[in-house]
Amino acid sequence: GDAERPPLRPGGFDLVVAATLVRHLPAVAEGSVPWRAWL
């Protein structure tokens, strides 16, 4: 799935990591990162 919109259950994780992902996201070039979806 797309890590910008993870196909996962909300509230299901104690830890979310994106160790080397952020620099590869198209959204970063546009000035945003999908923090809300991850939170």
Full PDB file with SEQRES, HELIX, SHEET, SSBOND, CRYST1, ORIGX, SCALE, CONECT and MASTER records, all heavy atoms in Angstrom:
SEQRES   1 A   39  GLY ASP ALA GLU ARG PRO PRO LEU ARG PRO GLY GLY PHE          
SEQRES   2 A   39  ASP LEU VAL VAL ALA ALA THR LEU VAL ARG HIS LEU PRO          
SEQRES   3 A   39  ALA VAL ALA GLU GLY SER VAL PRO TRP ARG ALA TRP LEU          
HELIX    1 AA1 VAL A   22  HIS A   24  5                                   3    
HELIX    2 AA2 PRO A   26  ALA A   29  1                                   4    
HELIX    3 AA3 TRP A   35  TRP A   38  1                                   4    
CRYST1    1.000    1.000    1.000  90.00  90.00  90.00 P 1           1          
ORIGX1      1.000000  0.000000  0.000000        0.00000                         
ORIGX2      0.000000  1.000000  0.000000        0.00000                         
ORIGX3      0.000000  0.000000  1.000000        0.00000                         
SCALE1      1.000000  0.000000  0.000000        0.00000                         
SCALE2      0.000000  1.000000  0.000000        0.00000                         
SCALE3      0.000000  0.000000  1.000000        0.00000                         
ATOM      1  N   GLY A   1       0.810  -1.201   0.000  1.00  0.00           N  
ATOM      2  CA  GLY A   1       0.000   0.000   0.000  1.00  0.00           C  
ATOM      3  C   GLY A   1       0.843   1.250   0.000  1.00  0.00           C  
ATOM      4  O   GLY A   1       2.072   1.206   0.118  1.00  0.00           O  
ATOM      5  N   ASP A   2       0.188   2.360  -0.128  1.00  0.00           N  
ATOM      6  CA  ASP A   2       0.810   3.674  -0.176  1.00  0.00           C  
ATOM      7  C   ASP A   2       1.068   4.164   1.244  1.00  0.00           C  
ATOM      8  O   ASP A   2       0.127   4.327   2.028  1.00  0.00           O  
ATOM      9  CB  ASP A   2      -0.129   4.633  -0.914  1.00  0.00           C  
ATOM     10  CG  ASP A   2       0.457   6.002  -1.129  1.00  0.00           C  
ATOM     11  OD1 ASP A   2       1.513   6.324  -0.537  1.00  0.00           O  
ATOM     12  OD2 ASP A   2      -0.144   6.772  -1.891  1.00  0.00           O  
ATOM     13  N   ALA A   3       2.313   4.401   1.575  1.00  0.00           N  
ATOM     14  CA  ALA A   3       2.662   4.841   2.923  1.00  0.00           C  
ATOM     15  C   ALA A   3       2.135   6.232   3.250  1.00  0.00           C  
ATOM     16  O   ALA A   3       2.003   6.589   4.411  1.00  0.00           O  
ATOM     17  CB  ALA A   3       4.176   4.808   3.109  1.00  0.00           C  
ATOM     18  N   GLU A   4       1.791   7.021   2.226  1.00  0.00           N  
ATOM     19  CA  GLU A   4       1.208   8.339   2.496  1.00  0.00           C  
ATOM     20  C   GLU A   4      -0.227   8.207   2.993  1.00  0.00           C  
ATOM     21  O   GLU A   4      -0.716   9.081   3.707  1.00  0.00           O  
ATOM     22  CB  GLU A   4       1.241   9.201   1.237  1.00  0.00           C  
ATOM     23  CG  GLU A   4       2.642   9.635   0.876  1.00  0.00           C  
ATOM     24  CD  GLU A   4       2.650  10.607  -0.269  1.00  0.00           C  
ATOM     25  OE1 GLU A   4       2.264  11.784  -0.046  1.00  0.00           O  
ATOM     26  OE2 GLU A   4       3.023  10.193  -1.387  1.00  0.00           O  
ATOM     27  N   ARG A   5      -0.884   7.136   2.612  1.00  0.00           N  
ATOM     28  CA  ARG A   5      -2.245   6.828   3.071  1.00  0.00           C  
ATOM     29  C   ARG A   5      -2.275   5.344   3.438  1.00  0.00           C  
ATOM     30  O   ARG A   5      -2.826   4.527   2.698  1.00  0.00           O  
ATOM     31  CB  ARG A   5      -3.255   7.138   1.973  1.00  0.00           C  
ATOM     32  CG  ARG A   5      -3.420   8.629   1.710  1.00  0.00           C  
ATOM     33  CD  ARG A   5      -4.327   8.931   0.534  1.00  0.00           C  
ATOM     34  NE  ARG A   5      -3.791   8.536  -0.765  1.00  0.00           N  
ATOM     35  CZ  ARG A   5      -2.783   9.129  -1.398  1.00  0.00           C  
ATOM     36  NH1 ARG A   5      -2.166  10.139  -0.841  1.00  0.00           N  
ATOM     37  NH2 ARG A   5      -2.374   8.719  -2.589  1.00  0.00           N  
ATOM     38  N   PRO A   6      -1.637   4.990   4.552  1.00  0.00           N  
ATOM     39  CA  PRO A   6      -1.475   3.573   4.888  1.00  0.00           C  
ATOM     40  C   PRO A   6      -2.827   2.856   5.029  1.00  0.00           C  
ATOM     41  O   PRO A   6      -3.731   3.363   5.680  1.00  0.00           O  
ATOM     42  CB  PRO A   6      -0.750   3.595   6.232  1.00  0.00           C  
ATOM     43  CG  PRO A   6      -0.195   4.961   6.371  1.00  0.00           C  
ATOM     44  CD  PRO A   6      -1.060   5.869   5.558  1.00  0.00           C  
ATOM     45  N   PRO A   7      -2.932   1.693   4.417  1.00  0.00           N  
ATOM     46  CA  PRO A   7      -4.177   0.921   4.501  1.00  0.00           C  
ATOM     47  C   PRO A   7      -4.232   0.112   5.803  1.00  0.00           C  
ATOM     48  O   PRO A   7      -4.322  -1.119   5.795  1.00  0.00           O  
ATOM     49  CB  PRO A   7      -4.088   0.011   3.270  1.00  0.00           C  
ATOM     50  CG  PRO A   7      -2.624  -0.242   3.116  1.00  0.00           C  
ATOM     51  CD  PRO A   7      -1.964   1.055   3.519  1.00  0.00           C  
ATOM     52  N   LEU A   8      -4.150   0.824   6.922  1.00  0.00           N  
ATOM     53  CA  LEU A   8      -4.093   0.183   8.230  1.00  0.00           C  
ATOM     54  C   LEU A   8      -5.183   0.733   9.135  1.00  0.00           C  
ATOM     55  O   LEU A   8      -5.672   1.850   8.934  1.00  0.00           O  
ATOM     56  CB  LEU A   8      -2.718   0.413   8.866  1.00  0.00           C  
ATOM     57  CG  LEU A   8      -1.502  -0.014   8.036  1.00  0.00           C  
ATOM     58  CD1 LEU A   8      -0.218   0.403   8.731  1.00  0.00           C  
ATOM     59  CD2 LEU A   8      -1.530  -1.514   7.779  1.00  0.00           C  
ATOM     60  N   ARG A   9      -5.480  -0.023  10.166  1.00  0.00           N  
ATOM     61  CA  ARG A   9      -6.526   0.348  11.121  1.00  0.00           C  
ATOM     62  C   ARG A   9      -6.066   1.514  12.005  1.00  0.00           C  
ATOM     63  O   ARG A   9      -5.013   1.438  12.647  1.00  0.00           O  
ATOM     64  CB  ARG A   9      -6.853  -0.866  11.989  1.00  0.00           C  
ATOM     65  CG  ARG A   9      -7.943  -0.649  12.998  1.00  0.00           C  
ATOM     66  CD  ARG A   9      -8.231  -1.941  13.719  1.00  0.00           C  
ATOM     67  NE  ARG A   9      -7.002  -2.498  14.265  1.00  0.00           N  
ATOM     68  CZ  ARG A   9      -6.738  -2.603  15.554  1.00  0.00           C  
ATOM     69  NH1 ARG A   9      -7.620  -2.243  16.443  1.00  0.00           N  
ATOM     70  NH2 ARG A   9      -5.596  -3.107  15.969  1.00  0.00           N  
ATOM     71  N   PRO A  10      -6.838   2.583  12.066  1.00  0.00           N  
ATOM     72  CA  PRO A  10      -6.489   3.700  12.952  1.00  0.00           C  
ATOM     73  C   PRO A  10      -6.402   3.228  14.403  1.00  0.00           C  
ATOM     74  O   PRO A  10      -7.178   2.383  14.844  1.00  0.00           O  
ATOM     75  CB  PRO A  10      -7.652   4.682  12.778  1.00  0.00           C  
ATOM     76  CG  PRO A  10      -8.222   4.349  11.438  1.00  0.00           C  
ATOM     77  CD  PRO A  10      -8.050   2.863  11.287  1.00  0.00           C  
ATOM     78  N   GLY A  11      -5.446   3.774  15.125  1.00  0.00           N  
ATOM     79  CA  GLY A  11      -5.297   3.476  16.542  1.00  0.00           C  
ATOM     80  C   GLY A  11      -4.717   2.102  16.846  1.00  0.00           C  
ATOM     81  O   GLY A  11      -4.693   1.690  17.996  1.00  0.00           O  
ATOM     82  N   GLY A  12      -4.214   1.409  15.843  1.00  0.00           N  
ATOM     83  CA  GLY A  12      -3.767   0.043  16.052  1.00  0.00           C  
ATOM     84  C   GLY A  12      -2.297  -0.152  16.362  1.00  0.00           C  
ATOM     85  O   GLY A  12      -1.851  -1.287  16.511  1.00  0.00           O  
ATOM     86  N   PHE A  13      -1.526   0.936  16.505  1.00  0.00           N  
ATOM     87  CA  PHE A  13      -0.081   0.778  16.643  1.00  0.00           C  
ATOM     88  C   PHE A  13       0.476   1.610  17.794  1.00  0.00           C  
ATOM     89  O   PHE A  13       0.039   2.730  18.045  1.00  0.00           O  
ATOM     90  CB  PHE A  13       0.615   1.162  15.331  1.00  0.00           C  
ATOM     91  CG  PHE A  13       0.226   0.242  14.218  1.00  0.00           C  
ATOM     92  CD1 PHE A  13      -0.864   0.538  13.417  1.00  0.00           C  
ATOM     93  CD2 PHE A  13       0.899  -0.940  14.009  1.00  0.00           C  
ATOM     94  CE1 PHE A  13      -1.274  -0.328  12.419  1.00  0.00           C  
ATOM     95  CE2 PHE A  13       0.505  -1.814  13.014  1.00  0.00           C  
ATOM     96  CZ  PHE A  13      -0.580  -1.510  12.213  1.00  0.00           C  
ATOM     97  N   ASP A  14       1.462   1.026  18.466  1.00  0.00           N  
ATOM     98  CA  ASP A  14       2.155   1.724  19.546  1.00  0.00           C  
ATOM     99  C   ASP A  14       3.276   2.606  19.003  1.00  0.00           C  
ATOM    100  O   ASP A  14       3.674   3.574  19.637  1.00  0.00           O  
ATOM    101  CB  ASP A  14       2.757   0.704  20.525  1.00  0.00           C  
ATOM    102  CG  ASP A  14       1.698  -0.234  21.063  1.00  0.00           C  
ATOM    103  OD1 ASP A  14       0.705   0.265  21.628  1.00  0.00           O  
ATOM    104  OD2 ASP A  14       1.840  -1.463  20.896  1.00  0.00           O  
ATOM    105  N   LEU A  15       3.761   2.232  17.829  1.00  0.00           N  
ATOM    106  CA  LEU A  15       4.870   2.959  17.219  1.00  0.00           C  
ATOM    107  C   LEU A  15       4.693   2.937  15.704  1.00  0.00           C  
ATOM    108  O   LEU A  15       4.388   1.892  15.128  1.00  0.00           O  
ATOM    109  CB  LEU A  15       6.199   2.290  17.595  1.00  0.00           C  
ATOM    110  CG  LEU A  15       7.476   2.821  16.963  1.00  0.00           C  
ATOM    111  CD1 LEU A  15       7.743   4.273  17.381  1.00  0.00           C  
ATOM    112  CD2 LEU A  15       8.664   1.938  17.353  1.00  0.00           C  
ATOM    113  N   VAL A  16       4.863   4.088  15.078  1.00  0.00           N  
ATOM    114  CA  VAL A  16       4.878   4.190  13.625  1.00  0.00           C  
ATOM    115  C   VAL A  16       6.235   4.764  13.252  1.00  0.00           C  
ATOM    116  O   VAL A  16       6.636   5.810  13.772  1.00  0.00           O  
ATOM    117  CB  VAL A  16       3.740   5.093  13.095  1.00  0.00           C  
ATOM    118  CG1 VAL A  16       3.893   5.334  11.607  1.00  0.00           C  
ATOM    119  CG2 VAL A  16       2.388   4.475  13.408  1.00  0.00           C  
ATOM    120  N   VAL A  17       6.955   4.053  12.378  1.00  0.00           N  
ATOM    121  CA  VAL A  17       8.266   4.516  11.924  1.00  0.00           C  
ATOM    122  C   VAL A  17       8.247   4.688  10.405  1.00  0.00           C  
ATOM    123  O   VAL A  17       7.547   3.970   9.697  1.00  0.00           O  
ATOM    124  CB  VAL A  17       9.401   3.558  12.348  1.00  0.00           C  
ATOM    125  CG1 VAL A  17       9.562   3.532  13.850  1.00  0.00           C  
ATOM    126  CG2 VAL A  17       9.180   2.158  11.810  1.00  0.00           C  
ATOM    127  N   ALA A  18       8.998   5.669   9.955  1.00  0.00           N  
ATOM    128  CA  ALA A  18       9.175   5.925   8.517  1.00  0.00           C  
ATOM    129  C   ALA A  18      10.637   6.329   8.345  1.00  0.00           C  
ATOM    130  O   ALA A  18      10.953   7.432   7.919  1.00  0.00           O  
ATOM    131  CB  ALA A  18       8.220   7.012   8.050  1.00  0.00           C  
ATOM    132  N   ALA A  19      11.518   5.410   8.701  1.00  0.00           N  
ATOM    133  CA  ALA A  19      12.942   5.698   8.877  1.00  0.00           C  
ATOM    134  C   ALA A  19      13.620   6.344   7.680  1.00  0.00           C  
ATOM    135  O   ALA A  19      14.351   7.311   7.833  1.00  0.00           O  
ATOM    136  CB  ALA A  19      13.677   4.429   9.272  1.00  0.00           C  
ATOM    137  N   THR A  20      13.410   5.845   6.505  1.00  0.00           N  
ATOM    138  CA  THR A  20      14.081   6.418   5.342  1.00  0.00           C  
ATOM    139  C   THR A  20      13.088   6.848   4.278  1.00  0.00           C  
ATOM    140  O   THR A  20      13.464   7.138   3.149  1.00  0.00           O  
ATOM    141  CB  THR A  20      15.079   5.412   4.727  1.00  0.00           C  
ATOM    142  OG1 THR A  20      14.367   4.256   4.305  1.00  0.00           O  
ATOM    143  CG2 THR A  20      16.153   5.016   5.711  1.00  0.00           C  
ATOM    144  N   LEU A  21      11.842   6.904   4.645  1.00  0.00           N  
ATOM    145  CA  LEU A  21      10.778   7.143   3.682  1.00  0.00           C  
ATOM    146  C   LEU A  21      10.562   8.613   3.334  1.00  0.00           C  
ATOM    147  O   LEU A  21      10.358   8.958   2.176  1.00  0.00           O  
ATOM    148  CB  LEU A  21       9.468   6.556   4.228  1.00  0.00           C  
ATOM    149  CG  LEU A  21       8.200   6.868   3.444  1.00  0.00           C  
ATOM    150  CD1 LEU A  21       8.238   6.155   2.097  1.00  0.00           C  
ATOM    151  CD2 LEU A  21       6.990   6.439   4.233  1.00  0.00           C  
ATOM    152  N   VAL A  22      10.598   9.495   4.289  1.00  0.00           N  
ATOM    153  CA  VAL A  22      10.143  10.871   4.117  1.00  0.00           C  
ATOM    154  C   VAL A  22      10.791  11.555   2.918  1.00  0.00           C  
ATOM    155  O   VAL A  22      10.124  12.196   2.118  1.00  0.00           O  
ATOM    156  CB  VAL A  22      10.349  11.691   5.405  1.00  0.00           C  
ATOM    157  CG1 VAL A  22      10.025  13.160   5.185  1.00  0.00           C  
ATOM    158  CG2 VAL A  22       9.478  11.126   6.520  1.00  0.00           C  
ATOM    159  N   ARG A  23      12.075  11.382   2.759  1.00  0.00           N  
ATOM    160  CA  ARG A  23      12.770  12.069   1.654  1.00  0.00           C  
ATOM    161  C   ARG A  23      12.321  11.597   0.275  1.00  0.00           C  
ATOM    162  O   ARG A  23      12.570  12.254  -0.723  1.00  0.00           O  
ATOM    163  CB  ARG A  23      14.273  11.914   1.798  1.00  0.00           C  
ATOM    164  CG  ARG A  23      14.722  10.496   1.615  1.00  0.00           C  
ATOM    165  CD  ARG A  23      16.220  10.370   1.708  1.00  0.00           C  
ATOM    166  NE  ARG A  23      16.567   8.968   1.580  1.00  0.00           N  
ATOM    167  CZ  ARG A  23      17.512   8.389   2.247  1.00  0.00           C  
ATOM    168  NH1 ARG A  23      18.223   9.073   3.096  1.00  0.00           N  
ATOM    169  NH2 ARG A  23      17.770   7.115   2.067  1.00  0.00           N  
ATOM    170  N   HIS A  24      11.643  10.443   0.204  1.00  0.00           N  
ATOM    171  CA  HIS A  24      11.195   9.890  -1.067  1.00  0.00           C  
ATOM    172  C   HIS A  24       9.748  10.249  -1.422  1.00  0.00           C  
ATOM    173  O   HIS A  24       9.296   9.932  -2.513  1.00  0.00           O  
ATOM    174  CB  HIS A  24      11.321   8.361  -1.059  1.00  0.00           C  
ATOM    175  CG  HIS A  24      12.727   7.900  -0.892  1.00  0.00           C  
ATOM    176  ND1 HIS A  24      13.696   8.045  -1.864  1.00  0.00           N  
ATOM    177  CD2 HIS A  24      13.341   7.299   0.150  1.00  0.00           C  
ATOM    178  CE1 HIS A  24      14.833   7.556  -1.427  1.00  0.00           C  
ATOM    179  NE2 HIS A  24      14.652   7.090  -0.207  1.00  0.00           N  
ATOM    180  N   LEU A  25       9.043  10.871  -0.518  1.00  0.00           N  
ATOM    181  CA  LEU A  25       7.631  11.150  -0.755  1.00  0.00           C  
ATOM    182  C   LEU A  25       7.434  12.369  -1.653  1.00  0.00           C  
ATOM    183  O   LEU A  25       8.037  13.418  -1.421  1.00  0.00           O  
ATOM    184  CB  LEU A  25       6.899  11.399   0.571  1.00  0.00           C  
ATOM    185  CG  LEU A  25       6.832  10.223   1.524  1.00  0.00           C  
ATOM    186  CD1 LEU A  25       6.174  10.656   2.824  1.00  0.00           C  
ATOM    187  CD2 LEU A  25       6.099   9.057   0.909  1.00  0.00           C  
ATOM    188  N   PRO A  26       6.571  12.255  -2.651  1.00  0.00           N  
ATOM    189  CA  PRO A  26       6.264  13.419  -3.492  1.00  0.00           C  
ATOM    190  C   PRO A  26       5.716  14.580  -2.675  1.00  0.00           C  
ATOM    191  O   PRO A  26       5.983  15.738  -2.984  1.00  0.00           O  
ATOM    192  CB  PRO A  26       5.208  12.898  -4.468  1.00  0.00           C  
ATOM    193  CG  PRO A  26       5.362  11.424  -4.465  1.00  0.00           C  
ATOM    194  CD  PRO A  26       5.882  11.053  -3.103  1.00  0.00           C  
ATOM    195  N   ALA A  27       4.986  14.287  -1.623  1.00  0.00           N  
ATOM    196  CA  ALA A  27       4.391  15.347  -0.800  1.00  0.00           C  
ATOM    197  C   ALA A  27       5.456  16.241  -0.179  1.00  0.00           C  
ATOM    198  O   ALA A  27       5.229  17.429   0.028  1.00  0.00           O  
ATOM    199  CB  ALA A  27       3.515  14.741   0.299  1.00  0.00           C  
ATOM    200  N   VAL A  28       6.630  15.697   0.103  1.00  0.00           N  
ATOM    201  CA  VAL A  28       7.699  16.490   0.707  1.00  0.00           C  
ATOM    202  C   VAL A  28       8.129  17.590  -0.252  1.00  0.00           C  
ATOM    203  O   VAL A  28       8.330  18.738   0.142  1.00  0.00           O  
ATOM    204  CB  VAL A  28       8.890  15.589   1.098  1.00  0.00           C  
ATOM    205  CG1 VAL A  28      10.070  16.417   1.557  1.00  0.00           C  
ATOM    206  CG2 VAL A  28       8.461  14.615   2.181  1.00  0.00           C  
ATOM    207  N   ALA A  29       8.233  17.267  -1.518  1.00  0.00           N  
ATOM    208  CA  ALA A  29       8.602  18.270  -2.517  1.00  0.00           C  
ATOM    209  C   ALA A  29       7.547  19.366  -2.608  1.00  0.00           C  
ATOM    210  O   ALA A  29       7.857  20.501  -2.953  1.00  0.00           O  
ATOM    211  CB  ALA A  29       8.792  17.612  -3.879  1.00  0.00           C  
ATOM    212  N   GLU A  30       6.322  19.038  -2.275  1.00  0.00           N  
ATOM    213  CA  GLU A  30       5.229  20.015  -2.305  1.00  0.00           C  
ATOM    214  C   GLU A  30       5.096  20.760  -0.981  1.00  0.00           C  
ATOM    215  O   GLU A  30       4.193  21.572  -0.805  1.00  0.00           O  
ATOM    216  CB  GLU A  30       3.920  19.301  -2.633  1.00  0.00           C  
ATOM    217  CG  GLU A  30       3.926  18.647  -3.998  1.00  0.00           C  
ATOM    218  CD  GLU A  30       2.794  17.651  -4.174  1.00  0.00           C  
ATOM    219  OE1 GLU A  30       1.901  17.595  -3.311  1.00  0.00           O  
ATOM    220  OE2 GLU A  30       2.818  16.927  -5.172  1.00  0.00           O  
ATOM    221  N   GLY A  31       5.958  20.444  -0.028  1.00  0.00           N  
ATOM    222  CA  GLY A  31       5.954  21.152   1.240  1.00  0.00           C  
ATOM    223  C   GLY A  31       5.087  20.541   2.321  1.00  0.00           C  
ATOM    224  O   GLY A  31       4.849  21.177   3.339  1.00  0.00           O  
ATOM    225  N   SER A  32       4.643  19.307   2.146  1.00  0.00           N  
ATOM    226  CA  SER A  32       3.863  18.689   3.214  1.00  0.00           C  
ATOM    227  C   SER A  32       4.241  17.221   3.342  1.00  0.00           C  
ATOM    228  O   SER A  32       4.771  16.605   2.431  1.00  0.00           O  
ATOM    229  CB  SER A  32       2.368  18.814   2.941  1.00  0.00           C  
ATOM    230  OG  SER A  32       2.003  17.992   1.858  1.00  0.00           O  
ATOM    231  N   VAL A  33       4.002  16.705   4.511  1.00  0.00           N  
ATOM    232  CA  VAL A  33       4.222  15.296   4.817  1.00  0.00           C  
ATOM    233  C   VAL A  33       2.916  14.789   5.436  1.00  0.00           C  
ATOM    234  O   VAL A  33       2.246  15.536   6.146  1.00  0.00           O  
ATOM    235  CB  VAL A  33       5.407  15.141   5.804  1.00  0.00           C  
ATOM    236  CG1 VAL A  33       5.598  13.699   6.202  1.00  0.00           C  
ATOM    237  CG2 VAL A  33       6.683  15.687   5.179  1.00  0.00           C  
ATOM    238  N   PRO A  34       2.534  13.557   5.182  1.00  0.00           N  
ATOM    239  CA  PRO A  34       1.231  13.062   5.657  1.00  0.00           C  
ATOM    240  C   PRO A  34       1.204  12.721   7.149  1.00  0.00           C  
ATOM    241  O   PRO A  34       0.802  11.639   7.560  1.00  0.00           O  
ATOM    242  CB  PRO A  34       1.021  11.815   4.791  1.00  0.00           C  
ATOM    243  CG  PRO A  34       2.395  11.341   4.484  1.00  0.00           C  
ATOM    244  CD  PRO A  34       3.224  12.596   4.344  1.00  0.00           C  
ATOM    245  N   TRP A  35       1.623  13.677   7.986  1.00  0.00           N  
ATOM    246  CA  TRP A  35       1.677  13.420   9.429  1.00  0.00           C  
ATOM    247  C   TRP A  35       0.327  12.993   9.979  1.00  0.00           C  
ATOM    248  O   TRP A  35       0.258  12.087  10.798  1.00  0.00           O  
ATOM    249  CB  TRP A  35       2.145  14.658  10.189  1.00  0.00           C  
ATOM    250  CG  TRP A  35       3.445  15.226   9.764  1.00  0.00           C  
ATOM    251  CD1 TRP A  35       3.662  16.479   9.273  1.00  0.00           C  
ATOM    252  CD2 TRP A  35       4.731  14.586   9.775  1.00  0.00           C  
ATOM    253  NE1 TRP A  35       4.998  16.652   8.986  1.00  0.00           N  
ATOM    254  CE2 TRP A  35       5.675  15.511   9.287  1.00  0.00           C  
ATOM    255  CE3 TRP A  35       5.167  13.318  10.151  1.00  0.00           C  
ATOM    256  CZ2 TRP A  35       7.027  15.211   9.168  1.00  0.00           C  
ATOM    257  CZ3 TRP A  35       6.517  13.023  10.022  1.00  0.00           C  
ATOM    258  CH2 TRP A  35       7.420  13.958   9.550  1.00  0.00           C  
ATOM    259  N   ARG A  36      -0.742  13.638   9.572  1.00  0.00           N  
ATOM    260  CA  ARG A  36      -2.063  13.339  10.135  1.00  0.00           C  
ATOM    261  C   ARG A  36      -2.428  11.880   9.903  1.00  0.00           C  
ATOM    262  O   ARG A  36      -2.875  11.196  10.820  1.00  0.00           O  
ATOM    263  CB  ARG A  36      -3.119  14.272   9.531  1.00  0.00           C  
ATOM    264  CG  ARG A  36      -4.546  13.985   9.903  1.00  0.00           C  
ATOM    265  CD  ARG A  36      -4.959  14.019  11.374  1.00  0.00           C  
ATOM    266  NE  ARG A  36      -4.284  14.929  12.236  1.00  0.00           N  
ATOM    267  CZ  ARG A  36      -4.035  14.698  13.539  1.00  0.00           C  
ATOM    268  NH1 ARG A  36      -4.442  13.588  14.114  1.00  0.00           N  
ATOM    269  NH2 ARG A  36      -3.398  15.553  14.265  1.00  0.00           N  
ATOM    270  N   ALA A  37      -2.231  11.376   8.698  1.00  0.00           N  
ATOM    271  CA  ALA A  37      -2.543   9.973   8.402  1.00  0.00           C  
ATOM    272  C   ALA A  37      -1.706   9.048   9.267  1.00  0.00           C  
ATOM    273  O   ALA A  37      -2.188   8.002   9.713  1.00  0.00           O  
ATOM    274  CB  ALA A  37      -2.316   9.678   6.920  1.00  0.00           C  
ATOM    275  N   TRP A  38      -0.463   9.423   9.517  1.00  0.00           N  
ATOM    276  CA  TRP A  38       0.412   8.585  10.329  1.00  0.00           C  
ATOM    277  C   TRP A  38       0.027   8.664  11.799  1.00  0.00           C  
ATOM    278  O   TRP A  38       0.001   7.651  12.491  1.00  0.00           O  
ATOM    279  CB  TRP A  38       1.861   8.991  10.139  1.00  0.00           C  
ATOM    280  CG  TRP A  38       2.354   8.796   8.725  1.00  0.00           C  
ATOM    281  CD1 TRP A  38       1.692   8.179   7.692  1.00  0.00           C  
ATOM    282  CD2 TRP A  38       3.589   9.230   8.189  1.00  0.00           C  
ATOM    283  NE1 TRP A  38       2.454   8.202   6.547  1.00  0.00           N  
ATOM    284  CE2 TRP A  38       3.619   8.838   6.817  1.00  0.00           C  
ATOM    285  CE3 TRP A  38       4.671   9.907   8.723  1.00  0.00           C  
ATOM    286  CZ2 TRP A  38       4.702   9.113   5.998  1.00  0.00           C  
ATOM    287  CZ3 TRP A  38       5.749  10.177   7.897  1.00  0.00           C  
ATOM    288  CH2 TRP A  38       5.768   9.782   6.554  1.00  0.00           C  
ATOM    289  N   LEU A  39      -0.277   9.862  12.285  1.00  0.00           N  
ATOM    290  CA  LEU A  39      -0.686  10.012  13.682  1.00  0.00           C  
ATOM    291  C   LEU A  39      -1.983   9.265  13.968  1.00  0.00           C  
ATOM    292  O   LEU A  39      -2.157   8.740  15.069  1.00  0.00           O  
ATOM    293  CB  LEU A  39      -0.817  11.494  14.032  1.00  0.00           C  
ATOM    294  CG  LEU A  39       0.499  12.273  14.092  1.00  0.00           C  
ATOM    295  CD1 LEU A  39       0.213  13.770  14.215  1.00  0.00           C  
ATOM    296  CD2 LEU A  39       1.374  11.786  15.228  1.00  0.00           C  
TER     297      LEU A  39                                                      
MASTER        0    0    0    3    0    0    0    6  296    1    0    3          
END                                                                             
